[in-house]
Amino acid sequence: QAEALRDITNVVAAVPGGRGLGVFYW
């Protein structure tokens, strides 16, 4: 579970121009 959350956050963080704002856990 921790790995899944970490991975999706890292993927969003790489959006160019700092436009990957982040992640909400439901």
PDB file of all heavy atoms in Angstrom:
ATOM      1  N   GLN A   1       0.834  -1.206   0.000  1.00  0.00           N
ATOM      2  CA  GLN A   1       0.000   0.000   0.000  1.00  0.00           C
ATOM      3  C   GLN A   1       0.868   1.256   0.000  1.00  0.00           C
ATOM      4  O   GLN A   1       0.620   2.206  -0.758  1.00  0.00           O
ATOM      5  CB  GLN A   1      -0.915  -0.007   1.222  1.00  0.00           C
ATOM      6  CG  GLN A   1      -1.834   1.183   1.319  1.00  0.00           C
ATOM      7  CD  GLN A   1      -2.588   1.218   2.651  1.00  0.00           C
ATOM      8  OE1 GLN A   1      -1.972   1.250   3.719  1.00  0.00           O
ATOM      9  NE2 GLN A   1      -3.908   1.195   2.579  1.00  0.00           N
ATOM     10  N   ALA A   2       1.893   1.265   0.842  1.00  0.00           N
ATOM     11  CA  ALA A   2       2.795   2.423   0.906  1.00  0.00           C
ATOM     12  C   ALA A   2       3.519   2.620  -0.421  1.00  0.00           C
ATOM     13  O   ALA A   2       3.679   3.752  -0.904  1.00  0.00           O
ATOM     14  CB  ALA A   2       3.795   2.240   2.044  1.00  0.00           C
ATOM     15  N   GLU A   3       3.951   1.531  -1.029  1.00  0.00           N
ATOM     16  CA  GLU A   3       4.659   1.613  -2.307  1.00  0.00           C
ATOM     17  C   GLU A   3       3.749   2.183  -3.393  1.00  0.00           C
ATOM     18  O   GLU A   3       4.175   3.012  -4.210  1.00  0.00           O
ATOM     19  CB  GLU A   3       5.161   0.227  -2.710  1.00  0.00           C
ATOM     20  CG  GLU A   3       6.042   0.215  -3.939  1.00  0.00           C
ATOM     21  CD  GLU A   3       6.489  -1.190  -4.321  1.00  0.00           C
ATOM     22  OE1 GLU A   3       6.275  -2.131  -3.533  1.00  0.00           O
ATOM     23  OE2 GLU A   3       7.036  -1.345  -5.428  1.00  0.00           O
ATOM     24  N   ALA A   4       2.483   1.759  -3.391  1.00  0.00           N
ATOM     25  CA  ALA A   4       1.537   2.252  -4.399  1.00  0.00           C
ATOM     26  C   ALA A   4       1.334   3.762  -4.272  1.00  0.00           C
ATOM     27  O   ALA A   4       1.292   4.483  -5.270  1.00  0.00           O
ATOM     28  CB  ALA A   4       0.202   1.525  -4.266  1.00  0.00           C
ATOM     29  N   LEU A   5       1.198   4.258  -3.041  1.00  0.00           N
ATOM     30  CA  LEU A   5       1.015   5.686  -2.824  1.00  0.00           C
ATOM     31  C   LEU A   5       2.275   6.468  -3.180  1.00  0.00           C
ATOM     32  O   LEU A   5       2.203   7.521  -3.826  1.00  0.00           O
ATOM     33  CB  LEU A   5       0.617   5.948  -1.369  1.00  0.00           C
ATOM     34  CG  LEU A   5       0.466   7.418  -0.969  1.00  0.00           C
ATOM     35  CD1 LEU A   5      -0.530   8.141  -1.855  1.00  0.00           C
ATOM     36  CD2 LEU A   5       0.053   7.520   0.510  1.00  0.00           C
ATOM     37  N   ARG A   6       3.407   5.956  -2.794  1.00  0.00           N
ATOM     38  CA  ARG A   6       4.673   6.618  -3.120  1.00  0.00           C
ATOM     39  C   ARG A   6       4.866   6.703  -4.632  1.00  0.00           C
ATOM     40  O   ARG A   6       5.250   7.746  -5.176  1.00  0.00           O
ATOM     41  CB  ARG A   6       5.834   5.847  -2.496  1.00  0.00           C
ATOM     42  CG  ARG A   6       7.206   6.467  -2.737  1.00  0.00           C
ATOM     43  CD  ARG A   6       8.300   5.432  -2.538  1.00  0.00           C
ATOM     44  NE  ARG A   6       8.259   4.420  -3.599  1.00  0.00           N
ATOM     45  CZ  ARG A   6       8.781   3.203  -3.502  1.00  0.00           C
ATOM     46  NH1 ARG A   6       9.369   2.817  -2.386  1.00  0.00           N
ATOM     47  NH2 ARG A   6       8.710   2.356  -4.519  1.00  0.00           N
ATOM     48  N   ASP A   7       4.584   5.607  -5.327  1.00  0.00           N
ATOM     49  CA  ASP A   7       4.827   5.570  -6.769  1.00  0.00           C
ATOM     50  C   ASP A   7       3.936   6.547  -7.526  1.00  0.00           C
ATOM     51  O   ASP A   7       4.397   7.252  -8.434  1.00  0.00           O
ATOM     52  CB  ASP A   7       4.608   4.154  -7.311  1.00  0.00           C
ATOM     53  CG  ASP A   7       5.738   3.195  -6.960  1.00  0.00           C
ATOM     54  OD1 ASP A   7       6.717   3.637  -6.327  1.00  0.00           O
ATOM     55  OD2 ASP A   7       5.629   2.008  -7.320  1.00  0.00           O
ATOM     56  N   ILE A   8       2.658   6.604  -7.183  1.00  0.00           N
ATOM     57  CA  ILE A   8       1.772   7.512  -7.915  1.00  0.00           C
ATOM     58  C   ILE A   8       2.161   8.963  -7.645  1.00  0.00           C
ATOM     59  O   ILE A   8       2.096   9.815  -8.540  1.00  0.00           O
ATOM     60  CB  ILE A   8       0.288   7.244  -7.596  1.00  0.00           C
ATOM     61  CG1 ILE A   8      -0.603   7.935  -8.648  1.00  0.00           C
ATOM     62  CG2 ILE A   8      -0.086   7.689  -6.191  1.00  0.00           C
ATOM     63  CD1 ILE A   8      -2.061   7.533  -8.562  1.00  0.00           C
ATOM     64  N   THR A   9       2.619   9.260  -6.438  1.00  0.00           N
ATOM     65  CA  THR A   9       3.065  10.622  -6.134  1.00  0.00           C
ATOM     66  C   THR A   9       4.308  10.979  -6.935  1.00  0.00           C
ATOM     67  O   THR A   9       4.418  12.081  -7.497  1.00  0.00           O
ATOM     68  CB  THR A   9       3.336  10.777  -4.632  1.00  0.00           C
ATOM     69  OG1 THR A   9       2.172  10.393  -3.892  1.00  0.00           O
ATOM     70  CG2 THR A   9       3.680  12.213  -4.286  1.00  0.00           C
ATOM     71  N   ASN A  10       5.260  10.060  -7.026  1.00  0.00           N
ATOM     72  CA  ASN A  10       6.474  10.322  -7.795  1.00  0.00           C
ATOM     73  C   ASN A  10       6.169  10.538  -9.271  1.00  0.00           C
ATOM     74  O   ASN A  10       6.797  11.377  -9.936  1.00  0.00           O
ATOM     75  CB  ASN A  10       7.452   9.164  -7.632  1.00  0.00           C
ATOM     76  CG  ASN A  10       8.085   9.109  -6.254  1.00  0.00           C
ATOM     77  OD1 ASN A  10       7.852   9.986  -5.424  1.00  0.00           O
ATOM     78  ND2 ASN A  10       8.856   8.083  -5.997  1.00  0.00           N
ATOM     79  N   VAL A  11       5.203   9.798  -9.798  1.00  0.00           N
ATOM     80  CA  VAL A  11       4.813   9.931 -11.197  1.00  0.00           C
ATOM     81  C   VAL A  11       4.170  11.301 -11.452  1.00  0.00           C
ATOM     82  O   VAL A  11       4.462  11.965 -12.449  1.00  0.00           O
ATOM     83  CB  VAL A  11       3.867   8.779 -11.586  1.00  0.00           C
ATOM     84  CG1 VAL A  11       3.075   9.101 -12.836  1.00  0.00           C
ATOM     85  CG2 VAL A  11       4.667   7.492 -11.789  1.00  0.00           C
ATOM     86  N   VAL A  12       3.302  11.743 -10.550  1.00  0.00           N
ATOM     87  CA  VAL A  12       2.666  13.057 -10.696  1.00  0.00           C
ATOM     88  C   VAL A  12       3.700  14.174 -10.555  1.00  0.00           C
ATOM     89  O   VAL A  12       3.653  15.183 -11.266  1.00  0.00           O
ATOM     90  CB  VAL A  12       1.533  13.227  -9.668  1.00  0.00           C
ATOM     91  CG1 VAL A  12       0.975  14.645  -9.695  1.00  0.00           C
ATOM     92  CG2 VAL A  12       0.412  12.216  -9.939  1.00  0.00           C
ATOM     93  N   ALA A  13       4.655  14.006  -9.660  1.00  0.00           N
ATOM     94  CA  ALA A  13       5.666  15.042  -9.419  1.00  0.00           C
ATOM     95  C   ALA A  13       6.501  15.346 -10.654  1.00  0.00           C
ATOM     96  O   ALA A  13       7.064  16.439 -10.769  1.00  0.00           O
ATOM     97  CB  ALA A  13       6.583  14.625  -8.275  1.00  0.00           C
ATOM     98  N   ALA A  14       6.588  14.409 -11.584  1.00  0.00           N
ATOM     99  CA  ALA A  14       7.437  14.594 -12.754  1.00  0.00           C
ATOM    100  C   ALA A  14       6.759  15.365 -13.880  1.00  0.00           C
ATOM    101  O   ALA A  14       7.387  15.613 -14.913  1.00  0.00           O
ATOM    102  CB  ALA A  14       7.897  13.240 -13.279  1.00  0.00           C
ATOM    103  N   VAL A  15       5.493  15.763 -13.717  1.00  0.00           N
ATOM    104  CA  VAL A  15       4.828  16.555 -14.757  1.00  0.00           C
ATOM    105  C   VAL A  15       5.656  17.821 -15.004  1.00  0.00           C
ATOM    106  O   VAL A  15       6.008  18.534 -14.059  1.00  0.00           O
ATOM    107  CB  VAL A  15       3.392  16.912 -14.350  1.00  0.00           C
ATOM    108  CG1 VAL A  15       2.758  17.869 -15.368  1.00  0.00           C
ATOM    109  CG2 VAL A  15       2.546  15.639 -14.242  1.00  0.00           C
ATOM    110  N   PRO A  16       5.991  18.125 -16.257  1.00  0.00           N
ATOM    111  CA  PRO A  16       6.883  19.256 -16.538  1.00  0.00           C
ATOM    112  C   PRO A  16       6.331  20.594 -16.049  1.00  0.00           C
ATOM    113  O   PRO A  16       5.117  20.797 -15.931  1.00  0.00           O
ATOM    114  CB  PRO A  16       6.982  19.242 -18.071  1.00  0.00           C
ATOM    115  CG  PRO A  16       6.721  17.824 -18.461  1.00  0.00           C
ATOM    116  CD  PRO A  16       5.692  17.340 -17.472  1.00  0.00           C
ATOM    117  N   GLY A  17       7.265  21.505 -15.774  1.00  0.00           N
ATOM    118  CA  GLY A  17       6.899  22.851 -15.390  1.00  0.00           C
ATOM    119  C   GLY A  17       6.338  22.991 -13.993  1.00  0.00           C
ATOM    120  O   GLY A  17       5.754  24.022 -13.650  1.00  0.00           O
ATOM    121  N   GLY A  18       6.514  21.966 -13.160  1.00  0.00           N
ATOM    122  CA  GLY A  18       5.966  22.025 -11.806  1.00  0.00           C
ATOM    123  C   GLY A  18       4.452  21.985 -11.779  1.00  0.00           C
ATOM    124  O   GLY A  18       3.834  22.405 -10.799  1.00  0.00           O
ATOM    125  N   ARG A  19       3.826  21.457 -12.832  1.00  0.00           N
ATOM    126  CA  ARG A  19       2.368  21.468 -12.939  1.00  0.00           C
ATOM    127  C   ARG A  19       1.709  20.197 -12.417  1.00  0.00           C
ATOM    128  O   ARG A  19       0.488  20.052 -12.533  1.00  0.00           O
ATOM    129  CB  ARG A  19       1.955  21.732 -14.380  1.00  0.00           C
ATOM    130  CG  ARG A  19       2.248  23.173 -14.797  1.00  0.00           C
ATOM    131  CD  ARG A  19       1.699  23.495 -16.156  1.00  0.00           C
ATOM    132  NE  ARG A  19       1.660  24.928 -16.393  1.00  0.00           N
ATOM    133  CZ  ARG A  19       1.092  25.490 -17.448  1.00  0.00           C
ATOM    134  NH1 ARG A  19       0.501  24.732 -18.366  1.00  0.00           N
ATOM    135  NH2 ARG A  19       1.097  26.800 -17.600  1.00  0.00           N
ATOM    136  N   GLY A  20       2.479  19.292 -11.882  1.00  0.00           N
ATOM    137  CA  GLY A  20       1.900  18.151 -11.180  1.00  0.00           C
ATOM    138  C   GLY A  20       1.758  18.508  -9.713  1.00  0.00           C
ATOM    139  O   GLY A  20       2.706  18.417  -8.932  1.00  0.00           O
ATOM    140  N   LEU A  21       0.559  18.960  -9.314  1.00  0.00           N
ATOM    141  CA  LEU A  21       0.389  19.559  -7.989  1.00  0.00           C
ATOM    142  C   LEU A  21       0.530  18.562  -6.849  1.00  0.00           C
ATOM    143  O   LEU A  21       1.031  18.894  -5.782  1.00  0.00           O
ATOM    144  CB  LEU A  21      -0.972  20.254  -7.911  1.00  0.00           C
ATOM    145  CG  LEU A  21      -1.206  21.400  -8.896  1.00  0.00           C
ATOM    146  CD1 LEU A  21      -2.591  22.006  -8.687  1.00  0.00           C
ATOM    147  CD2 LEU A  21      -0.132  22.459  -8.749  1.00  0.00           C
ATOM    148  N   GLY A  22       0.050  17.333  -7.057  1.00  0.00           N
ATOM    149  CA  GLY A  22       0.136  16.359  -5.984  1.00  0.00           C
ATOM    150  C   GLY A  22      -0.984  15.343  -6.052  1.00  0.00           C
ATOM    151  O   GLY A  22      -1.640  15.165  -7.077  1.00  0.00           O
ATOM    152  N   VAL A  23      -1.211  14.680  -4.902  1.00  0.00           N
ATOM    153  CA  VAL A  23      -2.098  13.516  -4.832  1.00  0.00           C
ATOM    154  C   VAL A  23      -2.934  13.575  -3.561  1.00  0.00           C
ATOM    155  O   VAL A  23      -2.432  13.938  -2.490  1.00  0.00           O
ATOM    156  CB  VAL A  23      -1.270  12.215  -4.850  1.00  0.00           C
ATOM    157  CG1 VAL A  23      -2.145  10.999  -4.592  1.00  0.00           C
ATOM    158  CG2 VAL A  23      -0.532  12.063  -6.183  1.00  0.00           C
ATOM    159  N   PHE A  24      -4.212  13.205  -3.691  1.00  0.00           N
ATOM    160  CA  PHE A  24      -5.107  13.002  -2.547  1.00  0.00           C
ATOM    161  C   PHE A  24      -5.407  11.512  -2.407  1.00  0.00           C
ATOM    162  O   PHE A  24      -5.760  10.854  -3.395  1.00  0.00           O
ATOM    163  CB  PHE A  24      -6.436  13.743  -2.743  1.00  0.00           C
ATOM    164  CG  PHE A  24      -6.365  15.228  -2.607  1.00  0.00           C
ATOM    165  CD1 PHE A  24      -5.877  16.009  -3.642  1.00  0.00           C
ATOM    166  CD2 PHE A  24      -6.799  15.853  -1.443  1.00  0.00           C
ATOM    167  CE1 PHE A  24      -5.815  17.389  -3.536  1.00  0.00           C
ATOM    168  CE2 PHE A  24      -6.755  17.238  -1.322  1.00  0.00           C
ATOM    169  CZ  PHE A  24      -6.258  18.004  -2.372  1.00  0.00           C
ATOM    170  N   TYR A  25      -5.311  11.001  -1.182  1.00  0.00           N
ATOM    171  CA  TYR A  25      -5.711   9.626  -0.891  1.00  0.00           C
ATOM    172  C   TYR A  25      -7.182   9.636  -0.501  1.00  0.00           C
ATOM    173  O   TYR A  25      -7.613  10.445   0.323  1.00  0.00           O
ATOM    174  CB  TYR A  25      -4.862   9.043   0.241  1.00  0.00           C
ATOM    175  CG  TYR A  25      -4.942   7.541   0.341  1.00  0.00           C
ATOM    176  CD1 TYR A  25      -3.996   6.753  -0.296  1.00  0.00           C
ATOM    177  CD2 TYR A  25      -5.952   6.919   1.052  1.00  0.00           C
ATOM    178  CE1 TYR A  25      -4.061   5.364  -0.218  1.00  0.00           C
ATOM    179  CE2 TYR A  25      -6.035   5.539   1.135  1.00  0.00           C
ATOM    180  CZ  TYR A  25      -5.083   4.764   0.496  1.00  0.00           C
ATOM    181  OH  TYR A  25      -5.158   3.388   0.571  1.00  0.00           O
ATOM    182  N   TRP A  26      -7.949   8.713  -1.086  1.00  0.00           N
ATOM    183  CA  TRP A  26      -9.393   8.724  -0.860  1.00  0.00           C
ATOM    184  C   TRP A  26      -9.762   7.948   0.402  1.00  0.00           C
ATOM    185  O   TRP A  26      -9.487   6.752   0.518  1.00  0.00           O
ATOM    186  CB  TRP A  26     -10.139   8.147  -2.061  1.00  0.00           C
ATOM    187  CG  TRP A  26     -11.601   8.523  -2.049  1.00  0.00           C
ATOM    188  CD1 TRP A  26     -12.129   9.737  -2.342  1.00  0.00           C
ATOM    189  CD2 TRP A  26     -12.699   7.674  -1.702  1.00  0.00           C
ATOM    190  NE1 TRP A  26     -13.508   9.705  -2.205  1.00  0.00           N
ATOM    191  CE2 TRP A  26     -13.884   8.452  -1.822  1.00  0.00           C
ATOM    192  CE3 TRP A  26     -12.801   6.337  -1.316  1.00  0.00           C
ATOM    193  CZ2 TRP A  26     -15.151   7.929  -1.560  1.00  0.00           C
ATOM    194  CZ3 TRP A  26     -14.057   5.819  -1.056  1.00  0.00           C
ATOM    195  CH2 TRP A  26     -15.212   6.612  -1.177  1.00  0.00           C
TER     196      TRP A  26
END
